């Protein structure tokens, strides 16, 4: 690593929501206060989203990504879970 390099840790949830806000402001506003998968599942139920459109991808023994297919064959929303 060079002397000028800055090592960055993983981004926190608010940073990801800020990134989402640029493309999908309404969705970002709805999910910004989520603190767990339970809230994602409740939100999905309120919106009438199908549980068949989710997937879990393990990252390591402690973390996984909770993926929700937002558009068929297209965009996905990802929620990191520890």
Protein backbone atom coordinates (compact mmCIF):
# COMPACT_ATOMS: atom_id res chain seq x y z
CA UNK A 1 0.00 0.00 0.00
CA UNK A 2 1.41 3.42 -0.90
CA UNK A 3 2.09 6.08 1.74
CA UNK A 4 -0.84 8.16 0.42
CA UNK A 5 -3.36 5.33 0.34
CA UNK A 6 -6.26 5.38 2.75
CA UNK A 7 -7.65 2.07 3.87
CA UNK A 8 -11.44 2.17 4.00
CA UNK A 9 -13.56 -0.26 5.93
CA UNK A 10 -16.91 -1.60 4.81
CA UNK A 11 -19.54 1.03 4.13
CA UNK A 12 -22.27 1.44 6.68
CA UNK A 13 -25.96 1.03 5.81
CA UNK A 14 -26.68 4.80 5.55
CA UNK A 15 -24.02 5.11 2.84
CA UNK A 16 -25.74 2.42 0.78
CA UNK A 17 -29.12 4.11 1.28
CA UNK A 18 -27.58 7.38 0.05
CA UNK A 19 -26.43 5.56 -3.09
CA UNK A 20 -29.90 4.08 -3.60
CA UNK A 21 -31.49 7.50 -3.12
CA UNK A 22 -29.99 8.72 -6.39
CA UNK A 23 -31.70 6.01 -8.46
CA UNK A 24 -34.77 5.12 -6.38
CA UNK A 25 -35.59 7.93 -3.92
CA UNK A 26 -38.99 6.55 -2.87
CA UNK A 27 -37.56 3.12 -2.05
CA UNK A 28 -34.60 4.67 -0.23
CA UNK A 29 -36.98 6.68 1.95
CA UNK A 30 -38.92 3.52 2.83
CA UNK A 31 -35.90 1.36 3.72
CA UNK A 32 -33.62 3.98 5.30
CA UNK A 33 -34.56 3.16 8.89
CA UNK A 34 -34.43 -0.64 8.59
CA UNK A 35 -32.29 -2.38 11.19
CA UNK A 36 -32.93 -6.03 10.35
CA UNK A 37 -34.36 -8.62 8.01
CA UNK A 38 -37.65 -8.65 9.92
CA UNK A 39 -38.33 -5.11 8.78
CA UNK A 40 -37.46 -6.03 5.19
CA UNK A 41 -39.94 -8.93 5.30
CA UNK A 42 -42.68 -6.71 6.80
CA UNK A 43 -42.03 -4.08 4.13
CA UNK A 44 -42.21 -6.74 1.41
CA UNK A 45 -45.54 -7.94 2.80
CA UNK A 46 -46.94 -4.39 2.94
CA UNK A 47 -45.92 -3.83 -0.69
CA UNK A 48 -47.27 -7.21 -1.82
CA UNK A 49 -43.82 -8.41 -2.89
CA UNK A 50 -43.43 -12.13 -3.42
CA UNK A 51 -41.09 -14.09 -1.14
CA UNK A 52 -40.26 -16.27 -4.17
CA UNK A 53 -38.16 -13.39 -5.49
CA UNK A 54 -35.56 -13.47 -2.71
CA UNK A 55 -32.20 -15.17 -2.39
CA UNK A 56 -29.52 -15.41 0.28
CA UNK A 57 -25.85 -15.31 -0.67
CA UNK A 58 -23.31 -16.13 2.05
CA UNK A 59 -20.30 -13.83 2.26
CA UNK A 60 -18.54 -15.62 5.12
CA UNK A 61 -19.54 -17.55 8.23
CA UNK A 62 -21.08 -14.44 9.84
CA UNK A 63 -22.54 -12.38 7.01
CA UNK A 64 -24.80 -12.88 4.02
CA UNK A 65 -26.64 -10.78 1.48
CA UNK A 66 -30.42 -10.83 1.42
CA UNK A 67 -31.35 -10.23 -2.23
CA UNK A 68 -34.75 -9.12 -3.50
CA UNK A 69 -35.47 -9.21 -7.22
CA UNK A 70 -36.89 -5.74 -7.85
CA UNK A 71 -37.51 -6.11 -11.58
CA UNK A 72 -37.93 -9.49 -13.25
CA UNK A 73 -34.66 -10.35 -14.93
CA UNK A 74 -33.25 -6.96 -13.99
CA UNK A 75 -32.45 -5.01 -10.87
CA UNK A 76 -32.07 -6.46 -7.40
CA UNK A 77 -32.09 -4.80 -3.97
CA UNK A 78 -29.46 -6.15 -1.59
CA UNK A 79 -29.54 -5.97 2.19
CA UNK A 80 -26.41 -7.02 4.09
CA UNK A 81 -27.08 -9.15 7.14
CA UNK A 82 -24.74 -10.08 9.98
